[in-house]
Amino acid sequence: RAFRGSPPPPFAGLPSWQRKLMTTVDH
């Protein structure tokens, strides 16, 4: 009735440099 899945990729759809920037901010 339950399974452990994976989280959606963060900041999908953003350009690569924005994903890296937002990932740093998110940390």
PDB file of all heavy atoms in Angstrom:
ATOM      1  N   ARG A   1       0.808  -1.223   0.000  1.00  0.00           N
ATOM      2  CA  ARG A   1       0.000   0.000   0.000  1.00  0.00           C
ATOM      3  C   ARG A   1       0.838   1.267   0.000  1.00  0.00           C
ATOM      4  O   ARG A   1       0.307   2.370  -0.078  1.00  0.00           O
ATOM      5  CB  ARG A   1      -0.923  -0.015   1.215  1.00  0.00           C
ATOM      6  CG  ARG A   1      -1.902  -1.194   1.181  1.00  0.00           C
ATOM      7  CD  ARG A   1      -2.769  -1.212   2.424  1.00  0.00           C
ATOM      8  NE  ARG A   1      -3.454   0.045   2.602  1.00  0.00           N
ATOM      9  CZ  ARG A   1      -3.957   0.477   3.764  1.00  0.00           C
ATOM     10  NH1 ARG A   1      -3.792  -0.256   4.849  1.00  0.00           N
ATOM     11  NH2 ARG A   1      -4.580   1.623   3.841  1.00  0.00           N
ATOM     12  N   ALA A   2       2.160   1.122   0.105  1.00  0.00           N
ATOM     13  CA  ALA A   2       3.039   2.293   0.075  1.00  0.00           C
ATOM     14  C   ALA A   2       4.396   1.874  -0.474  1.00  0.00           C
ATOM     15  O   ALA A   2       4.838   0.739  -0.280  1.00  0.00           O
ATOM     16  CB  ALA A   2       3.200   2.899   1.468  1.00  0.00           C
ATOM     17  N   PHE A   3       5.055   2.783  -1.163  1.00  0.00           N
ATOM     18  CA  PHE A   3       6.419   2.546  -1.606  1.00  0.00           C
ATOM     19  C   PHE A   3       7.187   3.851  -1.514  1.00  0.00           C
ATOM     20  O   PHE A   3       6.605   4.940  -1.532  1.00  0.00           O
ATOM     21  CB  PHE A   3       6.473   1.985  -3.034  1.00  0.00           C
ATOM     22  CG  PHE A   3       5.968   2.920  -4.107  1.00  0.00           C
ATOM     23  CD1 PHE A   3       6.857   3.746  -4.808  1.00  0.00           C
ATOM     24  CD2 PHE A   3       4.619   2.976  -4.437  1.00  0.00           C
ATOM     25  CE1 PHE A   3       6.395   4.604  -5.796  1.00  0.00           C
ATOM     26  CE2 PHE A   3       4.149   3.837  -5.417  1.00  0.00           C
ATOM     27  CZ  PHE A   3       5.038   4.654  -6.103  1.00  0.00           C
ATOM     28  N   ARG A   4       8.494   3.714  -1.385  1.00  0.00           N
ATOM     29  CA  ARG A   4       9.348   4.900  -1.326  1.00  0.00           C
ATOM     30  C   ARG A   4       9.777   5.272  -2.733  1.00  0.00           C
ATOM     31  O   ARG A   4      10.508   4.538  -3.387  1.00  0.00           O
ATOM     32  CB  ARG A   4      10.580   4.651  -0.449  1.00  0.00           C
ATOM     33  CG  ARG A   4      11.368   5.928  -0.154  1.00  0.00           C
ATOM     34  CD  ARG A   4      12.512   5.658   0.810  1.00  0.00           C
ATOM     35  NE  ARG A   4      13.619   4.946   0.179  1.00  0.00           N
ATOM     36  CZ  ARG A   4      14.558   4.279   0.846  1.00  0.00           C
ATOM     37  NH1 ARG A   4      14.515   4.202   2.160  1.00  0.00           N
ATOM     38  NH2 ARG A   4      15.532   3.667   0.202  1.00  0.00           N
ATOM     39  N   GLY A   5       9.296   6.423  -3.183  1.00  0.00           N
ATOM     40  CA  GLY A   5       9.648   6.894  -4.501  1.00  0.00           C
ATOM     41  C   GLY A   5      10.782   7.908  -4.449  1.00  0.00           C
ATOM     42  O   GLY A   5      11.405   8.130  -3.408  1.00  0.00           O
ATOM     43  N   SER A   6      11.058   8.516  -5.584  1.00  0.00           N
ATOM     44  CA  SER A   6      12.097   9.541  -5.691  1.00  0.00           C
ATOM     45  C   SER A   6      11.442  10.905  -5.807  1.00  0.00           C
ATOM     46  O   SER A   6      10.373  11.038  -6.415  1.00  0.00           O
ATOM     47  CB  SER A   6      12.978   9.288  -6.912  1.00  0.00           C
ATOM     48  OG  SER A   6      13.607   8.027  -6.826  1.00  0.00           O
ATOM     49  N   PRO A   7      12.055  11.939  -5.241  1.00  0.00           N
ATOM     50  CA  PRO A   7      11.479  13.283  -5.361  1.00  0.00           C
ATOM     51  C   PRO A   7      11.599  13.790  -6.788  1.00  0.00           C
ATOM     52  O   PRO A   7      12.485  13.362  -7.543  1.00  0.00           O
ATOM     53  CB  PRO A   7      12.341  14.112  -4.400  1.00  0.00           C
ATOM     54  CG  PRO A   7      13.650  13.396  -4.368  1.00  0.00           C
ATOM     55  CD  PRO A   7      13.330  11.930  -4.498  1.00  0.00           C
ATOM     56  N   PRO A   8      10.720  14.678  -7.185  1.00  0.00           N
ATOM     57  CA  PRO A   8      10.841  15.254  -8.533  1.00  0.00           C
ATOM     58  C   PRO A   8      12.140  16.045  -8.647  1.00  0.00           C
ATOM     59  O   PRO A   8      12.630  16.596  -7.656  1.00  0.00           O
ATOM     60  CB  PRO A   8       9.615  16.169  -8.635  1.00  0.00           C
ATOM     61  CG  PRO A   8       9.234  16.462  -7.220  1.00  0.00           C
ATOM     62  CD  PRO A   8       9.601  15.254  -6.426  1.00  0.00           C
ATOM     63  N   PRO A   9      12.729  16.100  -9.847  1.00  0.00           N
ATOM     64  CA  PRO A   9      13.976  16.863 -10.008  1.00  0.00           C
ATOM     65  C   PRO A   9      13.735  18.335  -9.690  1.00  0.00           C
ATOM     66  O   PRO A   9      12.756  18.919 -10.161  1.00  0.00           O
ATOM     67  CB  PRO A   9      14.350  16.650 -11.476  1.00  0.00           C
ATOM     68  CG  PRO A   9      13.082  16.218 -12.142  1.00  0.00           C
ATOM     69  CD  PRO A   9      12.286  15.493 -11.112  1.00  0.00           C
ATOM     70  N   PRO A  10      14.587  18.937  -8.875  1.00  0.00           N
ATOM     71  CA  PRO A  10      14.363  20.336  -8.485  1.00  0.00           C
ATOM     72  C   PRO A  10      14.615  21.299  -9.637  1.00  0.00           C
ATOM     73  O   PRO A  10      15.516  21.095 -10.445  1.00  0.00           O
ATOM     74  CB  PRO A  10      15.371  20.549  -7.348  1.00  0.00           C
ATOM     75  CG  PRO A  10      16.468  19.573  -7.633  1.00  0.00           C
ATOM     76  CD  PRO A  10      15.795  18.379  -8.251  1.00  0.00           C
ATOM     77  N   PHE A  11      13.780  22.307  -9.701  1.00  0.00           N
ATOM     78  CA  PHE A  11      13.952  23.414 -10.649  1.00  0.00           C
ATOM     79  C   PHE A  11      13.992  22.936 -12.101  1.00  0.00           C
ATOM     80  O   PHE A  11      14.744  23.458 -12.934  1.00  0.00           O
ATOM     81  CB  PHE A  11      15.217  24.215 -10.308  1.00  0.00           C
ATOM     82  CG  PHE A  11      15.328  24.575  -8.862  1.00  0.00           C
ATOM     83  CD1 PHE A  11      16.321  24.026  -8.063  1.00  0.00           C
ATOM     84  CD2 PHE A  11      14.397  25.427  -8.272  1.00  0.00           C
ATOM     85  CE1 PHE A  11      16.414  24.334  -6.719  1.00  0.00           C
ATOM     86  CE2 PHE A  11      14.477  25.743  -6.920  1.00  0.00           C
ATOM     87  CZ  PHE A  11      15.485  25.197  -6.145  1.00  0.00           C
ATOM     88  N   ALA A  12      13.193  21.899 -12.388  1.00  0.00           N
ATOM     89  CA  ALA A  12      13.120  21.389 -13.758  1.00  0.00           C
ATOM     90  C   ALA A  12      12.602  22.478 -14.690  1.00  0.00           C
ATOM     91  O   ALA A  12      11.728  23.268 -14.331  1.00  0.00           O
ATOM     92  CB  ALA A  12      12.214  20.163 -13.812  1.00  0.00           C
ATOM     93  N   GLY A  13      13.145  22.516 -15.887  1.00  0.00           N
ATOM     94  CA  GLY A  13      12.707  23.491 -16.881  1.00  0.00           C
ATOM     95  C   GLY A  13      13.522  24.764 -16.913  1.00  0.00           C
ATOM     96  O   GLY A  13      13.438  25.534 -17.872  1.00  0.00           O
ATOM     97  N   LEU A  14      14.306  25.009 -15.869  1.00  0.00           N
ATOM     98  CA  LEU A  14      15.148  26.202 -15.858  1.00  0.00           C
ATOM     99  C   LEU A  14      16.439  25.936 -16.629  1.00  0.00           C
ATOM    100  O   LEU A  14      16.893  24.788 -16.727  1.00  0.00           O
ATOM    101  CB  LEU A  14      15.494  26.595 -14.417  1.00  0.00           C
ATOM    102  CG  LEU A  14      14.354  27.088 -13.526  1.00  0.00           C
ATOM    103  CD1 LEU A  14      14.898  27.395 -12.129  1.00  0.00           C
ATOM    104  CD2 LEU A  14      13.686  28.315 -14.118  1.00  0.00           C
ATOM    105  N   PRO A  15      17.057  26.972 -17.162  1.00  0.00           N
ATOM    106  CA  PRO A  15      18.373  26.794 -17.780  1.00  0.00           C
ATOM    107  C   PRO A  15      19.372  26.249 -16.771  1.00  0.00           C
ATOM    108  O   PRO A  15      19.219  26.410 -15.558  1.00  0.00           O
ATOM    109  CB  PRO A  15      18.755  28.218 -18.217  1.00  0.00           C
ATOM    110  CG  PRO A  15      17.457  28.949 -18.312  1.00  0.00           C
ATOM    111  CD  PRO A  15      16.556  28.340 -17.271  1.00  0.00           C
ATOM    112  N   SER A  16      20.421  25.610 -17.277  1.00  0.00           N
ATOM    113  CA  SER A  16      21.395  24.947 -16.414  1.00  0.00           C
ATOM    114  C   SER A  16      21.977  25.881 -15.363  1.00  0.00           C
ATOM    115  O   SER A  16      22.073  25.520 -14.186  1.00  0.00           O
ATOM    116  CB  SER A  16      22.516  24.356 -17.266  1.00  0.00           C
ATOM    117  OG  SER A  16      23.515  23.786 -16.447  1.00  0.00           O
ATOM    118  N   TRP A  17      22.345  27.107 -15.765  1.00  0.00           N
ATOM    119  CA  TRP A  17      22.983  28.012 -14.807  1.00  0.00           C
ATOM    120  C   TRP A  17      22.023  28.424 -13.704  1.00  0.00           C
ATOM    121  O   TRP A  17      22.422  28.593 -12.552  1.00  0.00           O
ATOM    122  CB  TRP A  17      23.531  29.256 -15.516  1.00  0.00           C
ATOM    123  CG  TRP A  17      22.484  30.203 -16.046  1.00  0.00           C
ATOM    124  CD1 TRP A  17      21.904  30.192 -17.276  1.00  0.00           C
ATOM    125  CD2 TRP A  17      21.916  31.306 -15.333  1.00  0.00           C
ATOM    126  NE1 TRP A  17      20.985  31.204 -17.393  1.00  0.00           N
ATOM    127  CE2 TRP A  17      20.982  31.917 -16.217  1.00  0.00           C
ATOM    128  CE3 TRP A  17      22.086  31.842 -14.061  1.00  0.00           C
ATOM    129  CZ2 TRP A  17      20.227  33.028 -15.845  1.00  0.00           C
ATOM    130  CZ3 TRP A  17      21.340  32.952 -13.701  1.00  0.00           C
ATOM    131  CH2 TRP A  17      20.432  33.527 -14.579  1.00  0.00           C
ATOM    132  N   GLN A  18      20.729  28.549 -14.053  1.00  0.00           N
ATOM    133  CA  GLN A  18      19.741  28.904 -13.035  1.00  0.00           C
ATOM    134  C   GLN A  18      19.492  27.739 -12.075  1.00  0.00           C
ATOM    135  O   GLN A  18      19.301  27.944 -10.870  1.00  0.00           O
ATOM    136  CB  GLN A  18      18.433  29.335 -13.696  1.00  0.00           C
ATOM    137  CG  GLN A  18      18.503  30.711 -14.347  1.00  0.00           C
ATOM    138  CD  GLN A  18      17.145  31.172 -14.836  1.00  0.00           C
ATOM    139  OE1 GLN A  18      16.225  30.371 -15.020  1.00  0.00           O
ATOM    140  NE2 GLN A  18      17.018  32.473 -15.064  1.00  0.00           N
ATOM    141  N   ARG A  19      19.489  26.500 -12.613  1.00  0.00           N
ATOM    142  CA  ARG A  19      19.324  25.331 -11.742  1.00  0.00           C
ATOM    143  C   ARG A  19      20.458  25.254 -10.732  1.00  0.00           C
ATOM    144  O   ARG A  19      20.228  24.989  -9.547  1.00  0.00           O
ATOM    145  CB  ARG A  19      19.267  24.045 -12.568  1.00  0.00           C
ATOM    146  CG  ARG A  19      17.976  23.831 -13.332  1.00  0.00           C
ATOM    147  CD  ARG A  19      17.779  22.370 -13.707  1.00  0.00           C
ATOM    148  NE  ARG A  19      18.919  21.824 -14.431  1.00  0.00           N
ATOM    149  CZ  ARG A  19      19.073  21.890 -15.744  1.00  0.00           C
ATOM    150  NH1 ARG A  19      18.166  22.518 -16.488  1.00  0.00           N
ATOM    151  NH2 ARG A  19      20.122  21.353 -16.323  1.00  0.00           N
ATOM    152  N   LYS A  20      21.693  25.494 -11.195  1.00  0.00           N
ATOM    153  CA  LYS A  20      22.838  25.444 -10.283  1.00  0.00           C
ATOM    154  C   LYS A  20      22.736  26.536  -9.230  1.00  0.00           C
ATOM    155  O   LYS A  20      23.012  26.302  -8.042  1.00  0.00           O
ATOM    156  CB  LYS A  20      24.135  25.595 -11.081  1.00  0.00           C
ATOM    157  CG  LYS A  20      24.446  24.409 -11.982  1.00  0.00           C
ATOM    158  CD  LYS A  20      25.724  24.645 -12.775  1.00  0.00           C
ATOM    159  CE  LYS A  20      26.020  23.461 -13.691  1.00  0.00           C
ATOM    160  NZ  LYS A  20      27.239  23.696 -14.499  1.00  0.00           N
ATOM    161  N   LEU A  21      22.334  27.748  -9.646  1.00  0.00           N
ATOM    162  CA  LEU A  21      22.202  28.852  -8.707  1.00  0.00           C
ATOM    163  C   LEU A  21      21.118  28.562  -7.679  1.00  0.00           C
ATOM    164  O   LEU A  21      21.321  28.729  -6.465  1.00  0.00           O
ATOM    165  CB  LEU A  21      21.887  30.147  -9.458  1.00  0.00           C
ATOM    166  CG  LEU A  21      21.599  31.376  -8.585  1.00  0.00           C
ATOM    167  CD1 LEU A  21      22.814  31.723  -7.746  1.00  0.00           C
ATOM    168  CD2 LEU A  21      21.173  32.560  -9.460  1.00  0.00           C
ATOM    169  N   MET A  22      19.964  28.099  -8.144  1.00  0.00           N
ATOM    170  CA  MET A  22      18.855  27.832  -7.240  1.00  0.00           C
ATOM    171  C   MET A  22      19.163  26.658  -6.304  1.00  0.00           C
ATOM    172  O   MET A  22      18.745  26.652  -5.145  1.00  0.00           O
ATOM    173  CB  MET A  22      17.571  27.559  -8.029  1.00  0.00           C
ATOM    174  CG  MET A  22      17.026  28.775  -8.768  1.00  0.00           C
ATOM    175  SD  MET A  22      16.709  30.169  -7.651  1.00  0.00           S
ATOM    176  CE  MET A  22      15.449  29.479  -6.589  1.00  0.00           C
ATOM    177  N   THR A  23      19.909  25.677  -6.816  1.00  0.00           N
ATOM    178  CA  THR A  23      20.298  24.551  -5.965  1.00  0.00           C
ATOM    179  C   THR A  23      21.205  25.017  -4.833  1.00  0.00           C
ATOM    180  O   THR A  23      21.067  24.588  -3.680  1.00  0.00           O
ATOM    181  CB  THR A  23      21.007  23.469  -6.797  1.00  0.00           C
ATOM    182  OG1 THR A  23      20.094  22.977  -7.790  1.00  0.00           O
ATOM    183  CG2 THR A  23      21.462  22.313  -5.914  1.00  0.00           C
ATOM    184  N   THR A  24      22.131  25.935  -5.146  1.00  0.00           N
ATOM    185  CA  THR A  24      23.008  26.484  -4.118  1.00  0.00           C
ATOM    186  C   THR A  24      22.201  27.255  -3.080  1.00  0.00           C
ATOM    187  O   THR A  24      22.402  27.103  -1.863  1.00  0.00           O
ATOM    188  CB  THR A  24      24.061  27.416  -4.749  1.00  0.00           C
ATOM    189  OG1 THR A  24      24.836  26.666  -5.685  1.00  0.00           O
ATOM    190  CG2 THR A  24      24.970  28.007  -3.686  1.00  0.00           C
ATOM    191  N   VAL A  25      21.276  28.080  -3.549  1.00  0.00           N
ATOM    192  CA  VAL A  25      20.425  28.837  -2.642  1.00  0.00           C
ATOM    193  C   VAL A  25      19.607  27.893  -1.768  1.00  0.00           C
ATOM    194  O   VAL A  25      19.462  28.099  -0.558  1.00  0.00           O
ATOM    195  CB  VAL A  25      19.492  29.782  -3.434  1.00  0.00           C
ATOM    196  CG1 VAL A  25      18.444  30.408  -2.517  1.00  0.00           C
ATOM    197  CG2 VAL A  25      20.297  30.863  -4.143  1.00  0.00           C
ATOM    198  N   ASP A  26      19.103  26.820  -2.389  1.00  0.00           N
ATOM    199  CA  ASP A  26      18.255  25.877  -1.665  1.00  0.00           C
ATOM    200  C   ASP A  26      19.029  25.141  -0.578  1.00  0.00           C
ATOM    201  O   ASP A  26      18.466  24.788   0.459  1.00  0.00           O
ATOM    202  CB  ASP A  26      17.652  24.877  -2.655  1.00  0.00           C
ATOM    203  CG  ASP A  26      16.540  24.046  -2.037  1.00  0.00           C
ATOM    204  OD1 ASP A  26      15.450  24.606  -1.804  1.00  0.00           O
ATOM    205  OD2 ASP A  26      16.764  22.851  -1.779  1.00  0.00           O
ATOM    206  N   HIS A  27      20.322  24.909  -0.783  1.00  0.00           N
ATOM    207  CA  HIS A  27      21.143  24.276   0.254  1.00  0.00           C
ATOM    208  C   HIS A  27      21.280  25.193   1.470  1.00  0.00           C
ATOM    209  O   HIS A  27      21.327  24.729   2.615  1.00  0.00           O
ATOM    210  CB  HIS A  27      22.528  23.938  -0.291  1.00  0.00           C
ATOM    211  CG  HIS A  27      22.566  22.678  -1.100  1.00  0.00           C
ATOM    212  ND1 HIS A  27      22.018  21.490  -0.665  1.00  0.00           N
ATOM    213  CD2 HIS A  27      23.088  22.416  -2.327  1.00  0.00           C
ATOM    214  CE1 HIS A  27      22.193  20.554  -1.581  1.00  0.00           C
ATOM    215  NE2 HIS A  27      22.838  21.092  -2.600  1.00  0.00           N
TER     216      HIS A  27
END
